[in-house]
Amino acid sequence: MIRYKIFIFTIVAALLFLTYQILLPAEIIGIHKPGKTSTVVIVKNFPITRAGKISWWRKNHNQLSKEFPFINSPENHRIVFFEAEYKKDSGTDQDSDLLCFKDMPDEANCISKDNRPLLIWRHPNGHTEYVTENVFQRFLRHF
């Protein structure tokens, strides 16, 4: 009987968590242009599913390109999304996996490269490729 209650509690908790994640709107924390051919977008509450991520991009890329014209530039072949928060590089080996942005005056100008939910490749022939990371890949990385 106790196992049944634990199972039901786990299912309900998972459903509540997924509902909470789905209802939160995606938020853009920052956009950076570290090189001529790439753009980095830092997001929060990005959609969980592959279809949700691609759909979000298709709905929002015109608005983003109005504010940041380099996003739709023909030279911009790669757009990388990271779900992260800015942090300070302490200069130790533990921070060797950080991606830092020189265009920010703050000391907290780095992000962890661990959580990359979406990568968009624009090929010169006009083909666009979407590479996504799903929630299960993120979950398994912690074990």
Protein backbone atom coordinates (compact mmCIF):
# COMPACT_ATOMS: atom_id res chain seq x y z
CA MET A 1 0.00 0.00 0.00
CA ILE A 2 2.85 2.39 0.83
CA ARG A 3 4.54 1.67 -2.52
CA TYR A 4 1.30 2.49 -4.29
CA LYS A 5 1.06 5.86 -2.47
CA ILE A 6 4.68 6.68 -3.28
CA PHE A 7 4.09 5.80 -6.94
CA ILE A 8 0.96 7.98 -7.13
CA PHE A 9 2.74 10.85 -5.34
CA THR A 10 5.66 10.63 -7.80
CA ILE A 11 3.34 10.68 -10.82
CA VAL A 12 1.37 13.65 -9.46
CA ALA A 13 4.58 15.55 -8.63
CA ALA A 14 5.97 14.91 -12.12
CA LEU A 15 2.74 16.09 -13.74
CA LEU A 16 2.67 19.24 -11.61
CA PHE A 17 6.31 19.97 -12.49
CA LEU A 18 5.69 19.49 -16.22
CA THR A 19 2.57 21.68 -16.10
CA TYR A 20 4.54 24.38 -14.28
CA GLN A 21 7.35 24.20 -16.86
CA ILE A 22 4.95 24.37 -19.79
CA LEU A 23 3.03 27.36 -18.44
CA LEU A 24 6.10 29.52 -17.75
CA PRO A 25 6.90 31.80 -20.69
CA ALA A 26 10.41 31.70 -22.14
CA GLU A 27 12.49 34.72 -21.19
CA ILE A 28 15.55 36.06 -22.96
CA ILE A 29 18.29 36.99 -20.50
CA GLY A 30 20.86 38.20 -23.03
CA ILE A 31 22.04 38.06 -26.63
CA HIS A 32 25.71 38.17 -27.60
CA LYS A 33 27.66 38.22 -30.84
CA PRO A 34 31.00 36.55 -29.97
CA GLY A 35 32.06 36.13 -33.60
CA LYS A 36 31.12 37.06 -37.13
CA THR A 37 29.27 33.81 -37.87
CA SER A 38 27.61 33.02 -34.54
CA THR A 39 25.15 34.40 -32.01
CA VAL A 40 24.61 33.26 -28.42
CA VAL A 41 21.17 33.63 -26.82
CA ILE A 42 20.80 33.14 -23.05
CA VAL A 43 17.27 32.07 -22.10
CA LYS A 44 15.28 31.09 -19.05
CA ASN A 45 12.25 28.75 -18.98
CA PHE A 46 12.85 27.51 -22.52
CA PRO A 47 10.30 24.95 -23.84
CA ILE A 48 11.03 21.34 -22.93
CA THR A 49 10.16 19.53 -26.15
CA ARG A 50 11.93 19.69 -29.50
CA ALA A 51 8.75 20.86 -31.22
CA GLY A 52 8.23 23.53 -28.55
CA LYS A 53 11.76 24.90 -28.95
CA ILE A 54 11.56 25.10 -32.72
CA SER A 55 8.05 26.56 -32.59
CA TRP A 56 9.20 29.20 -30.10
CA TRP A 57 12.06 30.19 -32.41
CA ARG A 58 9.82 30.42 -35.46
CA LYS A 59 7.32 32.60 -33.58
CA ASN A 60 9.94 34.93 -32.06
CA HIS A 61 12.85 35.23 -34.50
CA ASN A 62 11.32 38.15 -36.44
CA GLN A 63 10.83 40.15 -33.25
CA LEU A 64 14.37 39.33 -32.11
CA SER A 65 15.85 40.34 -35.47
CA LYS A 66 14.18 43.75 -35.20
CA GLU A 67 15.97 44.38 -31.92
CA PHE A 68 19.17 42.54 -32.90
CA PRO A 69 19.57 42.80 -36.71
CA PHE A 70 22.67 40.59 -36.77
CA ILE A 71 20.51 37.53 -36.00
CA ASN A 72 19.17 37.41 -39.57
CA SER A 73 22.46 38.46 -41.14
CA PRO A 74 23.57 36.18 -44.03
CA GLU A 75 26.94 35.72 -42.28
CA ASN A 76 25.26 34.46 -39.09
CA HIS A 77 25.40 30.70 -39.62
CA ARG A 78 25.00 29.50 -36.04
CA ILE A 79 22.64 30.53 -33.25
CA VAL A 80 23.28 28.79 -29.93
CA PHE A 81 20.80 28.91 -27.07
CA PHE A 82 21.97 28.34 -23.50
CA GLU A 83 19.67 28.06 -20.51
CA ALA A 84 21.89 29.61 -17.88
CA GLU A 85 22.46 32.50 -15.53
CA TYR A 86 25.44 34.83 -15.58
CA LYS A 87 28.20 34.15 -13.10
CA LYS A 88 31.66 35.41 -12.31
CA ASP A 89 34.75 33.57 -13.56
CA SER A 90 36.87 32.89 -10.50
CA GLY A 91 39.84 31.84 -12.62
CA THR A 92 40.02 28.31 -11.23
CA ASP A 93 39.93 24.99 -13.04
CA GLN A 94 36.31 24.56 -11.97
CA ASP A 95 35.41 27.52 -14.19
CA SER A 96 37.20 26.18 -17.26
CA ASP A 97 33.87 25.16 -18.80
CA LEU A 98 32.48 28.71 -18.69
CA LEU A 99 31.75 30.81 -21.75
CA CYS A 100 32.55 34.47 -21.05
CA PHE A 101 31.42 37.54 -22.98
CA LYS A 102 33.77 40.49 -23.39
CA ASP A 103 30.91 42.79 -24.41
CA MET A 104 29.63 42.92 -20.81
CA PRO A 105 31.20 45.32 -18.31
CA ASP A 106 30.02 43.31 -15.28
CA GLU A 107 32.27 40.82 -13.53
CA ALA A 108 29.42 38.31 -13.82
CA ASN A 109 29.77 37.93 -17.58
CA CYS A 110 30.11 34.15 -17.96
CA ILE A 111 27.70 31.25 -18.36
CA SER A 112 27.98 27.50 -18.01
CA LYS A 113 28.06 25.67 -21.34
CA ASP A 114 26.28 22.62 -19.88
CA ASN A 115 22.68 23.36 -20.77
CA ARG A 116 22.31 23.97 -24.52
CA PRO A 117 18.66 23.35 -25.40
CA LEU A 118 18.82 24.51 -29.03
CA LEU A 119 21.40 25.02 -31.76
CA ILE A 120 20.38 26.43 -35.13
CA TRP A 121 22.64 25.91 -38.14
CA ARG A 122 21.95 27.95 -41.26
CA HIS A 123 23.67 26.35 -44.22
CA PRO A 124 24.75 28.46 -47.23
CA ASN A 125 22.35 26.54 -49.49
CA GLY A 126 19.37 27.87 -47.44
CA HIS A 127 18.79 24.72 -45.37
CA THR A 128 18.24 25.27 -41.63
CA GLU A 129 19.11 22.51 -39.20
CA TYR A 130 17.86 22.35 -35.61
CA VAL A 131 19.83 20.42 -32.99
CA THR A 132 18.03 20.05 -29.67
CA GLU A 133 18.77 18.59 -26.28
CA ASN A 134 15.83 17.07 -24.48
CA VAL A 135 15.04 16.98 -20.79
CA PHE A 136 16.09 13.32 -20.49
CA GLN A 137 19.58 14.07 -21.81
CA ARG A 138 19.93 16.83 -19.23
CA PHE A 139 18.64 14.55 -16.48
CA LEU A 140 21.01 11.70 -17.39
CA ARG A 141 24.03 14.01 -17.49
CA HIS A 142 23.75 14.50 -13.72
CA PHE A 143 24.28 10.80 -12.99
